[in-house]
Amino acid sequence: MIYAYHRASGEIVARVFGKRNTNTVKELGCKIKALGLKWGGLLTDNWKRFKQVFNDTNHLMSKASTKGIEGNNCRLRHRIRRAFRRTCCFSKKMENHIKAFELAFYYINYGHI
């Protein structure tokens, strides 16, 4: 899962479930463009897939500038910790995992967490 996070509002604006490859990052870029979002800069870690897809934007690659999304990652781990367990105790269906993430994103975006 890769997602886009709006730093000022704390909202998760787009998300993509898939493998960790260029196609998944391209799909995320298409979702952001389809929403009509404009950004002044893009903050990511130093992963070469982000460099390839978002090479035409104001792209800042730094671990120091991604602490907001790391906070969201921590919140997601606490919110749906059963999805991050090593044992198969939650569900074997990928749809159930995706629905759990979508529910957590809803709560994050609308201030219920």
N, C-alpha and C. Protein backbone atom coordinates (compact mmCIF):
# COMPACT_ATOMS: atom_id res chain seq x y z
N MET A 1 0.83 -1.16 0.00
CA MET A 1 0.00 0.00 0.00
C MET A 1 0.89 1.24 0.00
N ILE A 2 0.55 2.16 -0.88
CA ILE A 2 1.21 3.46 -0.93
C ILE A 2 0.10 4.49 -0.88
N TYR A 3 0.32 5.55 -0.09
CA TYR A 3 -0.71 6.57 -0.01
C TYR A 3 -0.12 7.96 0.02
N ALA A 4 -0.96 8.92 -0.37
CA ALA A 4 -0.56 10.34 -0.39
C ALA A 4 -1.22 11.01 0.80
N TYR A 5 -0.44 11.81 1.49
CA TYR A 5 -0.85 12.45 2.75
C TYR A 5 -0.71 13.96 2.58
N HIS A 6 -1.76 14.70 2.90
CA HIS A 6 -1.70 16.16 2.87
C HIS A 6 -1.16 16.63 4.21
N ARG A 7 -0.01 17.26 4.16
CA ARG A 7 0.71 17.60 5.38
C ARG A 7 -0.03 18.61 6.26
N ALA A 8 -0.65 19.61 5.66
CA ALA A 8 -1.31 20.67 6.44
C ALA A 8 -2.59 20.18 7.11
N SER A 9 -3.40 19.43 6.38
CA SER A 9 -4.70 19.01 6.92
C SER A 9 -4.64 17.66 7.63
N GLY A 10 -3.62 16.85 7.35
CA GLY A 10 -3.53 15.52 7.95
C GLY A 10 -4.39 14.50 7.24
N GLU A 11 -4.97 14.85 6.11
CA GLU A 11 -5.87 13.97 5.38
C GLU A 11 -5.10 13.04 4.44
N ILE A 12 -5.56 11.83 4.33
CA ILE A 12 -5.02 10.89 3.36
C ILE A 12 -5.86 11.06 2.10
N VAL A 13 -5.25 11.59 1.04
CA VAL A 13 -6.01 12.00 -0.13
C VAL A 13 -6.12 10.91 -1.19
N ALA A 14 -5.13 10.04 -1.30
CA ALA A 14 -5.19 8.98 -2.30
C ALA A 14 -4.43 7.77 -1.77
N ARG A 15 -4.85 6.60 -2.20
CA ARG A 15 -4.18 5.37 -1.77
C ARG A 15 -4.27 4.33 -2.87
N VAL A 16 -3.25 3.47 -2.90
CA VAL A 16 -3.17 2.41 -3.90
C VAL A 16 -2.67 1.15 -3.20
N PHE A 17 -3.32 0.06 -3.46
CA PHE A 17 -2.87 -1.24 -2.97
C PHE A 17 -2.24 -1.98 -4.14
N GLY A 18 -1.05 -2.48 -3.93
CA GLY A 18 -0.37 -3.21 -4.99
C GLY A 18 1.04 -3.56 -4.59
N LYS A 19 1.77 -4.08 -5.55
CA LYS A 19 3.16 -4.44 -5.31
C LYS A 19 4.01 -3.19 -5.23
N ARG A 20 5.17 -3.32 -4.68
CA ARG A 20 6.09 -2.19 -4.53
C ARG A 20 6.89 -2.03 -5.82
N ASN A 21 6.25 -1.48 -6.85
CA ASN A 21 6.90 -1.30 -8.14
C ASN A 21 6.46 0.00 -8.79
N THR A 22 6.97 0.25 -9.98
CA THR A 22 6.71 1.50 -10.69
C THR A 22 5.23 1.64 -11.06
N ASN A 23 4.58 0.55 -11.44
CA ASN A 23 3.17 0.62 -11.84
C ASN A 23 2.27 1.10 -10.70
N THR A 24 2.56 0.67 -9.49
CA THR A 24 1.77 1.09 -8.34
C THR A 24 1.96 2.58 -8.08
N VAL A 25 3.19 3.06 -8.21
CA VAL A 25 3.45 4.49 -8.01
C VAL A 25 2.79 5.31 -9.11
N LYS A 26 2.81 4.80 -10.35
CA LYS A 26 2.12 5.49 -11.45
C LYS A 26 0.63 5.57 -11.20
N GLU A 27 0.07 4.50 -10.68
CA GLU A 27 -1.36 4.48 -10.36
C GLU A 27 -1.70 5.52 -9.29
N LEU A 28 -0.82 5.66 -8.29
CA LEU A 28 -1.02 6.69 -7.27
C LEU A 28 -0.95 8.08 -7.89
N GLY A 29 0.01 8.30 -8.78
CA GLY A 29 0.12 9.59 -9.47
C GLY A 29 -1.12 9.91 -10.29
N CYS A 30 -1.67 8.91 -10.95
CA CYS A 30 -2.90 9.11 -11.74
C CYS A 30 -4.08 9.45 -10.84
N LYS A 31 -4.17 8.81 -9.68
CA LYS A 31 -5.27 9.12 -8.75
C LYS A 31 -5.16 10.55 -8.24
N ILE A 32 -3.94 10.99 -7.95
CA ILE A 32 -3.76 12.36 -7.47
C ILE A 32 -4.12 13.36 -8.56
N LYS A 33 -3.71 13.09 -9.80
CA LYS A 33 -4.03 13.99 -10.90
C LYS A 33 -5.53 13.98 -11.20
N ALA A 34 -6.17 12.82 -11.06
CA ALA A 34 -7.62 12.73 -11.31
C ALA A 34 -8.41 13.54 -10.29
N LEU A 35 -7.87 13.67 -9.08
CA LEU A 35 -8.55 14.49 -8.07
C LEU A 35 -8.38 15.98 -8.32
N GLY A 36 -7.46 16.32 -9.21
CA GLY A 36 -7.22 17.72 -9.52
C GLY A 36 -6.41 18.44 -8.47
N LEU A 37 -5.64 17.71 -7.71
CA LEU A 37 -4.84 18.31 -6.66
C LEU A 37 -3.59 18.94 -7.24
N LYS A 38 -3.27 20.10 -6.76
CA LYS A 38 -2.03 20.77 -7.13
C LYS A 38 -1.15 20.84 -5.90
N TRP A 39 0.12 20.66 -6.05
CA TRP A 39 1.01 20.72 -4.90
C TRP A 39 2.21 21.58 -5.23
N GLY A 40 2.71 22.20 -4.19
CA GLY A 40 3.91 23.01 -4.34
C GLY A 40 5.15 22.17 -4.29
N GLY A 41 5.09 21.06 -3.60
CA GLY A 41 6.23 20.17 -3.50
C GLY A 41 5.80 18.80 -3.07
N LEU A 42 6.59 17.84 -3.39
CA LEU A 42 6.32 16.46 -3.06
C LEU A 42 7.45 15.98 -2.15
N LEU A 43 7.11 15.48 -0.99
CA LEU A 43 8.10 15.01 -0.03
C LEU A 43 8.04 13.49 0.03
N THR A 44 9.12 12.83 -0.31
CA THR A 44 9.18 11.38 -0.27
C THR A 44 10.52 10.94 0.29
N ASP A 45 10.61 9.65 0.56
CA ASP A 45 11.92 9.12 0.91
C ASP A 45 12.70 8.87 -0.39
N ASN A 46 13.90 8.41 -0.27
CA ASN A 46 14.79 8.28 -1.42
C ASN A 46 14.59 6.92 -2.09
N TRP A 47 13.41 6.70 -2.64
CA TRP A 47 13.10 5.46 -3.34
C TRP A 47 13.09 5.76 -4.82
N LYS A 48 13.79 4.97 -5.63
CA LYS A 48 13.98 5.31 -7.03
C LYS A 48 12.68 5.31 -7.84
N ARG A 49 11.69 4.58 -7.41
CA ARG A 49 10.40 4.57 -8.14
C ARG A 49 9.73 5.94 -8.08
N PHE A 50 9.80 6.60 -6.92
CA PHE A 50 9.24 7.94 -6.81
C PHE A 50 9.99 8.91 -7.72
N LYS A 51 11.31 8.75 -7.82
CA LYS A 51 12.10 9.61 -8.70
C LYS A 51 11.67 9.44 -10.14
N GLN A 52 11.41 8.21 -10.56
CA GLN A 52 11.03 7.94 -11.94
C GLN A 52 9.67 8.52 -12.28
N VAL A 53 8.70 8.35 -11.42
CA VAL A 53 7.32 8.75 -11.73
C VAL A 53 7.11 10.24 -11.54
N PHE A 54 7.64 10.81 -10.46
CA PHE A 54 7.40 12.21 -10.14
C PHE A 54 8.62 13.08 -10.47
N ASN A 55 9.27 12.83 -11.58
CA ASN A 55 10.47 13.58 -11.92
C ASN A 55 10.18 15.00 -12.40
N ASP A 56 8.97 15.30 -12.81
CA ASP A 56 8.65 16.63 -13.32
C ASP A 56 8.09 17.57 -12.25
N THR A 57 7.99 17.13 -11.02
CA THR A 57 7.45 17.96 -9.94
C THR A 57 8.58 18.48 -9.06
N ASN A 58 8.24 19.41 -8.19
CA ASN A 58 9.18 19.89 -7.19
C ASN A 58 9.30 18.81 -6.14
N HIS A 59 10.31 17.99 -6.26
CA HIS A 59 10.41 16.75 -5.48
C HIS A 59 11.56 16.87 -4.50
N LEU A 60 11.25 16.80 -3.21
CA LEU A 60 12.26 16.83 -2.16
C LEU A 60 12.32 15.45 -1.53
N MET A 61 13.50 14.85 -1.56
CA MET A 61 13.67 13.52 -1.00
C MET A 61 14.47 13.63 0.29
N SER A 62 13.80 13.32 1.40
CA SER A 62 14.46 13.42 2.69
C SER A 62 13.66 12.65 3.71
N LYS A 63 14.34 11.93 4.56
CA LYS A 63 13.65 11.25 5.66
C LYS A 63 13.17 12.25 6.70
N ALA A 64 13.88 13.35 6.86
CA ALA A 64 13.52 14.34 7.88
C ALA A 64 12.18 15.01 7.56
N SER A 65 11.85 15.14 6.28
CA SER A 65 10.63 15.84 5.92
C SER A 65 9.41 14.92 5.82
N THR A 66 9.58 13.64 6.10
CA THR A 66 8.46 12.70 6.01
C THR A 66 7.96 12.26 7.38
N LYS A 67 8.22 13.06 8.42
CA LYS A 67 7.82 12.61 9.76
C LYS A 67 6.31 12.62 9.95
N GLY A 68 5.58 13.46 9.22
CA GLY A 68 4.12 13.46 9.33
C GLY A 68 3.51 12.15 8.87
N ILE A 69 4.00 11.65 7.75
CA ILE A 69 3.47 10.39 7.23
C ILE A 69 3.92 9.22 8.10
N GLU A 70 5.09 9.35 8.74
CA GLU A 70 5.52 8.31 9.68
C GLU A 70 4.58 8.27 10.89
N GLY A 71 4.08 9.42 11.30
CA GLY A 71 3.09 9.45 12.37
C GLY A 71 1.81 8.76 11.96
N ASN A 72 1.39 8.96 10.70
CA ASN A 72 0.22 8.26 10.19
C ASN A 72 0.46 6.76 10.12
N ASN A 73 1.66 6.37 9.71
CA ASN A 73 1.97 4.93 9.67
C ASN A 73 1.87 4.32 11.06
N CYS A 74 2.35 5.03 12.05
CA CYS A 74 2.26 4.55 13.43
C CYS A 74 0.79 4.44 13.86
N ARG A 75 0.02 5.45 13.51
CA ARG A 75 -1.41 5.45 13.85
C ARG A 75 -2.12 4.28 13.17
N LEU A 76 -1.76 4.00 11.93
CA LEU A 76 -2.36 2.85 11.24
C LEU A 76 -1.97 1.54 11.90
N ARG A 77 -0.71 1.43 12.29
CA ARG A 77 -0.29 0.19 12.96
C ARG A 77 -1.05 -0.03 14.25
N HIS A 78 -1.32 1.04 14.98
CA HIS A 78 -2.07 0.90 16.22
C HIS A 78 -3.56 0.66 15.95
N ARG A 79 -4.09 1.31 14.94
CA ARG A 79 -5.51 1.21 14.65
C ARG A 79 -5.90 -0.18 14.14
N ILE A 80 -5.11 -0.69 13.25
CA ILE A 80 -5.43 -2.00 12.68
C ILE A 80 -4.25 -2.95 12.86
N ARG A 81 -3.85 -3.10 14.08
CA ARG A 81 -2.66 -3.91 14.39
C ARG A 81 -2.81 -5.36 13.96
N ARG A 82 -4.01 -5.84 13.86
CA ARG A 82 -4.19 -7.23 13.46
C ARG A 82 -3.76 -7.45 12.01
N ALA A 83 -3.75 -6.39 11.19
CA ALA A 83 -3.29 -6.54 9.81
C ALA A 83 -1.78 -6.66 9.74
N PHE A 84 -1.08 -6.28 10.80
CA PHE A 84 0.37 -6.29 10.80
C PHE A 84 0.95 -7.46 11.60
N ARG A 85 0.11 -8.33 12.10
CA ARG A 85 0.61 -9.50 12.83
C ARG A 85 1.23 -10.49 11.87
N ARG A 86 2.16 -11.24 12.37
CA ARG A 86 2.84 -12.22 11.52
C ARG A 86 2.02 -13.50 11.34
N THR A 87 1.13 -13.77 12.25
CA THR A 87 0.32 -14.98 12.13
C THR A 87 -0.93 -14.67 11.32
N CYS A 88 -1.54 -15.69 10.81
CA CYS A 88 -2.76 -15.52 10.01
C CYS A 88 -3.98 -15.59 10.91
N CYS A 89 -4.17 -14.60 11.74
CA CYS A 89 -5.30 -14.64 12.66
C CYS A 89 -6.39 -13.65 12.28
N PHE A 90 -6.19 -12.82 11.27
CA PHE A 90 -7.19 -11.83 10.91
C PHE A 90 -8.09 -12.38 9.80
N SER A 91 -7.57 -12.51 8.63
CA SER A 91 -8.36 -13.02 7.52
C SER A 91 -7.43 -13.45 6.40
N LYS A 92 -7.86 -14.38 5.63
CA LYS A 92 -7.08 -14.79 4.47
C LYS A 92 -7.52 -14.04 3.22
N LYS A 93 -8.60 -13.31 3.30
CA LYS A 93 -9.10 -12.57 2.14
C LYS A 93 -8.48 -11.19 2.09
N MET A 94 -7.92 -10.84 0.95
CA MET A 94 -7.32 -9.53 0.77
C MET A 94 -8.38 -8.43 0.87
N GLU A 95 -9.60 -8.71 0.46
CA GLU A 95 -10.67 -7.72 0.52
C GLU A 95 -10.92 -7.25 1.96
N ASN A 96 -10.83 -8.17 2.91
CA ASN A 96 -11.03 -7.81 4.31
C ASN A 96 -9.92 -6.90 4.82
N HIS A 97 -8.70 -7.15 4.38
CA HIS A 97 -7.59 -6.28 4.77
C HIS A 97 -7.77 -4.88 4.19
N ILE A 98 -8.17 -4.82 2.92
CA ILE A 98 -8.36 -3.52 2.27
C ILE A 98 -9.49 -2.75 2.95
N LYS A 99 -10.57 -3.42 3.29
CA LYS A 99 -11.68 -2.75 3.98
C LYS A 99 -11.25 -2.23 5.35
N ALA A 100 -10.40 -2.97 6.05
CA ALA A 100 -9.90 -2.51 7.34
C ALA A 100 -9.08 -1.24 7.18
N PHE A 101 -8.24 -1.19 6.15
CA PHE A 101 -7.48 0.02 5.88
C PHE A 101 -8.39 1.18 5.50
N GLU A 102 -9.38 0.93 4.66
CA GLU A 102 -10.29 2.00 4.25
C GLU A 102 -11.07 2.56 5.44
N LEU A 103 -11.46 1.71 6.34
CA LEU A 103 -12.15 2.17 7.54
C LEU A 103 -11.23 3.03 8.41
N ALA A 104 -9.98 2.61 8.55
CA ALA A 104 -9.01 3.40 9.31
C ALA A 104 -8.76 4.75 8.64
N PHE A 105 -8.67 4.77 7.30
CA PHE A 105 -8.47 6.03 6.58
C PHE A 105 -9.66 6.96 6.78
N TYR A 106 -10.86 6.39 6.79
CA TYR A 106 -12.05 7.21 7.03
C TYR A 106 -11.96 7.89 8.40
N TYR A 107 -11.60 7.11 9.42
CA TYR A 107 -11.51 7.67 10.76
C TYR A 107 -10.40 8.73 10.87
N ILE A 108 -9.28 8.51 10.18
CA ILE A 108 -8.20 9.51 10.19
C ILE A 108 -8.64 10.78 9.49
N ASN A 109 -9.26 10.65 8.33
CA ASN A 109 -9.63 11.84 7.53
C ASN A 109 -10.71 12.67 8.18
N TYR A 110 -11.60 12.05 8.92
CA TYR A 110 -12.72 12.79 9.50
C TYR A 110 -12.59 13.00 11.00
N GLY A 111 -11.38 12.85 11.52
CA GLY A 111 -11.07 13.24 12.87
C GLY A 111 -11.62 12.37 13.97
N HIS A 112 -11.84 11.12 13.72
CA HIS A 112 -12.36 10.23 14.75
C HIS A 112 -11.27 9.48 15.49
N ILE A 113 -10.02 9.70 15.10
CA ILE A 113 -8.92 9.01 15.78
C ILE A 113 -8.22 9.99 16.67
